[in-house]
Amino acid sequence: TLETITMHIEPPPNKTAKDFVITISSKKLQVGLKGHDTFFLNDDFFSLVDTTESCWFIDDDNILQIVIAKQHKGEAWLCVLGKKDKINPMLEQELNQQLLRERFQEENPGMDFRDASFNGSAPDPRTYMGGIGYNNG
């Protein structure tokens, strides 16, 4: 979405929330199990994260959900974790179009932009036409 990304991870069998060690910093995610020396996820985020709005939980279907709040609302993340140099231009355009439709919908709640299409490349949803309605980093 414009503001968040949710990761879904199937935990090992018979593990509950109290078995996990999870650290969400502005630049890095670490996920591990208590009593183990290493994290099974220990990687940099694609971009900066708002740690005060990020959280994690295990849902009713026993799926670990990590909700990552973007530091920069409307920024297109081409991946959640990993290096920035593996950019697929087609994926970037698709994400920009999706985020731009979402932004238009948020700014114009009485209109439906789900089927809107763009001729040519979609602009950056964070900066297009003066940017998102409020300053969020």
C-alpha atoms as a PDB file:
ATOM      1  CA  THR A   1       0.000   0.000   0.000  1.00  0.00           C
ATOM      2  CA  LEU A   2       1.018   3.633   0.090  1.00  0.00           C
ATOM      3  CA  GLU A   3       2.044   3.304   3.729  1.00  0.00           C
ATOM      4  CA  THR A   4       2.790  -0.326   4.604  1.00  0.00           C
ATOM      5  CA  ILE A   5       4.079  -3.671   3.423  1.00  0.00           C
ATOM      6  CA  THR A   6       3.041  -6.908   5.140  1.00  0.00           C
ATOM      7  CA  MET A   7       5.267  -9.972   5.137  1.00  0.00           C
ATOM      8  CA  HIS A   8       3.682 -13.402   5.726  1.00  0.00           C
ATOM      9  CA  ILE A   9       5.961 -16.143   7.066  1.00  0.00           C
ATOM     10  CA  GLU A  10       4.956 -19.681   7.969  1.00  0.00           C
ATOM     11  CA  PRO A  11       6.660 -20.363  11.304  1.00  0.00           C
ATOM     12  CA  PRO A  12       8.139 -23.711  12.290  1.00  0.00           C
ATOM     13  CA  PRO A  13       5.593 -26.145  13.779  1.00  0.00           C
ATOM     14  CA  ASN A  14       4.492 -25.633  17.393  1.00  0.00           C
ATOM     15  CA  LYS A  15       6.056 -22.158  17.704  1.00  0.00           C
ATOM     16  CA  THR A  16       4.198 -19.272  19.306  1.00  0.00           C
ATOM     17  CA  ALA A  17       4.916 -15.550  19.482  1.00  0.00           C
ATOM     18  CA  LYS A  18       6.905 -15.969  22.690  1.00  0.00           C
ATOM     19  CA  ASP A  19       9.381 -18.231  20.831  1.00  0.00           C
ATOM     20  CA  PHE A  20      10.483 -15.478  18.435  1.00  0.00           C
ATOM     21  CA  VAL A  21      13.094 -12.746  18.627  1.00  0.00           C
ATOM     22  CA  ILE A  22      12.174 -10.047  16.103  1.00  0.00           C
ATOM     23  CA  THR A  23      13.908  -6.705  15.681  1.00  0.00           C
ATOM     24  CA  ILE A  24      12.586  -4.102  13.242  1.00  0.00           C
ATOM     25  CA  SER A  25      15.026  -1.204  12.878  1.00  0.00           C
ATOM     26  CA  SER A  26      14.842   1.652  10.397  1.00  0.00           C
ATOM     27  CA  LYS A  27      17.199  -0.166   8.022  1.00  0.00           C
ATOM     28  CA  LYS A  28      17.179  -3.859   8.967  1.00  0.00           C
ATOM     29  CA  LEU A  29      14.917  -6.796   9.859  1.00  0.00           C
ATOM     30  CA  GLN A  30      16.075  -9.614  12.110  1.00  0.00           C
ATOM     31  CA  VAL A  31      13.877 -12.649  12.776  1.00  0.00           C
ATOM     32  CA  GLY A  32      15.001 -15.599  14.849  1.00  0.00           C
ATOM     33  CA  LEU A  33      14.024 -18.086  17.498  1.00  0.00           C
ATOM     34  CA  LYS A  34      14.931 -17.738  21.151  1.00  0.00           C
ATOM     35  CA  GLY A  35      17.795 -20.011  22.139  1.00  0.00           C
ATOM     36  CA  HIS A  36      19.434 -19.923  18.698  1.00  0.00           C
ATOM     37  CA  ASP A  37      22.630 -18.027  17.907  1.00  0.00           C
ATOM     38  CA  THR A  38      21.616 -16.847  14.439  1.00  0.00           C
ATOM     39  CA  PHE A  39      18.626 -15.172  12.816  1.00  0.00           C
ATOM     40  CA  PHE A  40      16.908 -16.959   9.945  1.00  0.00           C
ATOM     41  CA  LEU A  41      16.141 -13.523   8.469  1.00  0.00           C
ATOM     42  CA  ASN A  42      18.821 -10.879   8.867  1.00  0.00           C
ATOM     43  CA  ASP A  43      18.718  -8.443   5.973  1.00  0.00           C
ATOM     44  CA  ASP A  44      18.475  -4.769   5.087  1.00  0.00           C
ATOM     45  CA  PHE A  45      15.157  -3.278   4.026  1.00  0.00           C
ATOM     46  CA  PHE A  46      14.775  -1.890   0.523  1.00  0.00           C
ATOM     47  CA  SER A  47      14.297   1.583   2.018  1.00  0.00           C
ATOM     48  CA  LEU A  48      13.801   3.264   5.385  1.00  0.00           C
ATOM     49  CA  VAL A  49      11.164   2.029   7.854  1.00  0.00           C
ATOM     50  CA  ASP A  50       9.092   3.895  10.434  1.00  0.00           C
ATOM     51  CA  THR A  51       9.755   1.687  13.457  1.00  0.00           C
ATOM     52  CA  THR A  52       7.097   3.371  15.621  1.00  0.00           C
ATOM     53  CA  GLU A  53       4.342   2.234  13.225  1.00  0.00           C
ATOM     54  CA  SER A  54       5.768  -1.229  12.409  1.00  0.00           C
ATOM     55  CA  CYS A  55       4.772  -4.384  14.295  1.00  0.00           C
ATOM     56  CA  TRP A  56       4.513  -8.154  14.129  1.00  0.00           C
ATOM     57  CA  PHE A  57       2.074 -10.827  15.315  1.00  0.00           C
ATOM     58  CA  ILE A  58       1.008 -14.404  14.702  1.00  0.00           C
ATOM     59  CA  ASP A  59      -2.511 -14.526  13.292  1.00  0.00           C
ATOM     60  CA  ASP A  60      -5.312 -17.054  13.907  1.00  0.00           C
ATOM     61  CA  ASP A  61      -4.023 -19.224  11.034  1.00  0.00           C
ATOM     62  CA  ASN A  62      -0.594 -19.450  12.759  1.00  0.00           C
ATOM     63  CA  ILE A  63       1.097 -17.204  10.179  1.00  0.00           C
ATOM     64  CA  LEU A  64       3.757 -14.750  11.340  1.00  0.00           C
ATOM     65  CA  GLN A  65       2.809 -11.337   9.953  1.00  0.00           C
ATOM     66  CA  ILE A  66       5.345  -8.511   9.963  1.00  0.00           C
ATOM     67  CA  VAL A  67       3.815  -5.130   9.129  1.00  0.00           C
ATOM     68  CA  ILE A  68       6.455  -2.721   7.829  1.00  0.00           C
ATOM     69  CA  ALA A  69       5.534   0.978   7.836  1.00  0.00           C
ATOM     70  CA  LYS A  70       7.321   2.908   5.103  1.00  0.00           C
ATOM     71  CA  GLN A  71       9.251   5.973   6.248  1.00  0.00           C
ATOM     72  CA  HIS A  72       8.294   7.671   2.949  1.00  0.00           C
ATOM     73  CA  LYS A  73       4.599   7.267   2.180  1.00  0.00           C
ATOM     74  CA  GLY A  74       3.971   6.403  -1.464  1.00  0.00           C
ATOM     75  CA  GLU A  75       7.462   5.090  -2.151  1.00  0.00           C
ATOM     76  CA  ALA A  76       7.526   2.081  -4.485  1.00  0.00           C
ATOM     77  CA  TRP A  77       9.494  -0.762  -2.912  1.00  0.00           C
ATOM     78  CA  LEU A  78      10.688  -3.226  -5.550  1.00  0.00           C
ATOM     79  CA  CYS A  79      11.369  -5.782  -2.836  1.00  0.00           C
ATOM     80  CA  VAL A  80      11.065  -5.850   0.948  1.00  0.00           C
ATOM     81  CA  LEU A  81      14.528  -7.117   1.771  1.00  0.00           C
ATOM     82  CA  GLY A  82      17.694  -7.097  -0.261  1.00  0.00           C
ATOM     83  CA  LYS A  83      19.808  -4.960  -2.475  1.00  0.00           C
ATOM     84  CA  LYS A  84      18.522  -1.966  -4.405  1.00  0.00           C
ATOM     85  CA  ASP A  85      20.588  -2.654  -7.517  1.00  0.00           C
ATOM     86  CA  LYS A  86      18.311  -5.441  -8.812  1.00  0.00           C
ATOM     87  CA  ILE A  87      15.682  -3.132 -10.285  1.00  0.00           C
ATOM     88  CA  ASN A  88      13.271  -4.424 -12.901  1.00  0.00           C
ATOM     89  CA  PRO A  89      11.990  -1.343 -14.786  1.00  0.00           C
ATOM     90  CA  MET A  90       8.711  -3.047 -15.719  1.00  0.00           C
ATOM     91  CA  LEU A  91       8.045  -3.965 -12.092  1.00  0.00           C
ATOM     92  CA  GLU A  92       8.890  -0.426 -11.014  1.00  0.00           C
ATOM     93  CA  GLN A  93       6.347   1.010 -13.476  1.00  0.00           C
ATOM     94  CA  GLU A  94       3.693  -1.476 -12.362  1.00  0.00           C
ATOM     95  CA  LEU A  95       4.268  -0.556  -8.699  1.00  0.00           C
ATOM     96  CA  ASN A  96       4.218   3.187  -9.477  1.00  0.00           C
ATOM     97  CA  GLN A  97       0.916   2.772 -11.325  1.00  0.00           C
ATOM     98  CA  GLN A  98      -0.593   0.767  -8.474  1.00  0.00           C
ATOM     99  CA  LEU A  99       0.545   3.295  -5.858  1.00  0.00           C
ATOM    100  CA  LEU A 100      -0.616   6.232  -7.977  1.00  0.00           C
ATOM    101  CA  ARG A 101      -4.110   4.703  -8.322  1.00  0.00           C
ATOM    102  CA  GLU A 102      -4.137   4.151  -4.557  1.00  0.00           C
ATOM    103  CA  ARG A 103      -3.049   7.749  -3.956  1.00  0.00           C
ATOM    104  CA  PHE A 104      -5.753   9.103  -6.297  1.00  0.00           C
ATOM    105  CA  GLN A 105      -8.337   6.943  -4.501  1.00  0.00           C
ATOM    106  CA  GLU A 106      -7.217   8.253  -1.102  1.00  0.00           C
ATOM    107  CA  GLU A 107      -7.332  11.876  -2.290  1.00  0.00           C
ATOM    108  CA  ASN A 108     -10.687  11.430  -4.108  1.00  0.00           C
ATOM    109  CA  PRO A 109     -12.731   8.946  -2.045  1.00  0.00           C
ATOM    110  CA  GLY A 110     -15.900   9.382  -4.139  1.00  0.00           C
ATOM    111  CA  MET A 111     -14.214   8.181  -7.331  1.00  0.00           C
ATOM    112  CA  ASP A 112     -13.106   4.705  -8.434  1.00  0.00           C
ATOM    113  CA  PHE A 113      -9.590   4.459  -9.878  1.00  0.00           C
ATOM    114  CA  ARG A 114      -9.222   0.653  -9.814  1.00  0.00           C
ATOM    115  CA  ASP A 115      -9.355   0.338 -13.606  1.00  0.00           C
ATOM    116  CA  ALA A 116      -7.452   3.535 -14.426  1.00  0.00           C
ATOM    117  CA  SER A 117      -4.582   3.096 -16.865  1.00  0.00           C
ATOM    118  CA  PHE A 118      -1.615   5.251 -17.751  1.00  0.00           C
ATOM    119  CA  ASN A 119      -0.241   6.142 -21.171  1.00  0.00           C
ATOM    120  CA  GLY A 120       3.532   5.936 -21.043  1.00  0.00           C
ATOM    121  CA  SER A 121       5.443   5.665 -17.826  1.00  0.00           C
ATOM    122  CA  ALA A 122       3.758   6.437 -14.514  1.00  0.00           C
ATOM    123  CA  PRO A 123       5.264   9.270 -12.486  1.00  0.00           C
ATOM    124  CA  ASP A 124       6.589   8.834  -8.969  1.00  0.00           C
ATOM    125  CA  PRO A 125       3.490   8.790  -6.724  1.00  0.00           C
ATOM    126  CA  ARG A 126       5.364  10.568  -3.917  1.00  0.00           C
ATOM    127  CA  THR A 127       6.150  13.671  -5.984  1.00  0.00           C
ATOM    128  CA  TYR A 128       3.533  13.802  -8.771  1.00  0.00           C
ATOM    129  CA  MET A 129       1.459  17.013  -8.791  1.00  0.00           C
ATOM    130  CA  GLY A 130       3.009  18.448  -5.643  1.00  0.00           C
ATOM    131  CA  GLY A 131       3.376  15.178  -3.786  1.00  0.00           C
ATOM    132  CA  ILE A 132       1.273  13.401  -1.255  1.00  0.00           C
ATOM    133  CA  GLY A 133      -1.088  15.640   0.730  1.00  0.00           C
ATOM    134  CA  TYR A 134       1.119  15.855   3.807  1.00  0.00           C
ATOM    135  CA  ASN A 135       4.810  15.748   4.572  1.00  0.00           C
ATOM    136  CA  ASN A 136       5.772  12.254   5.728  1.00  0.00           C
ATOM    137  CA  GLY A 137       9.553  12.312   5.622  1.00  0.00           C
END
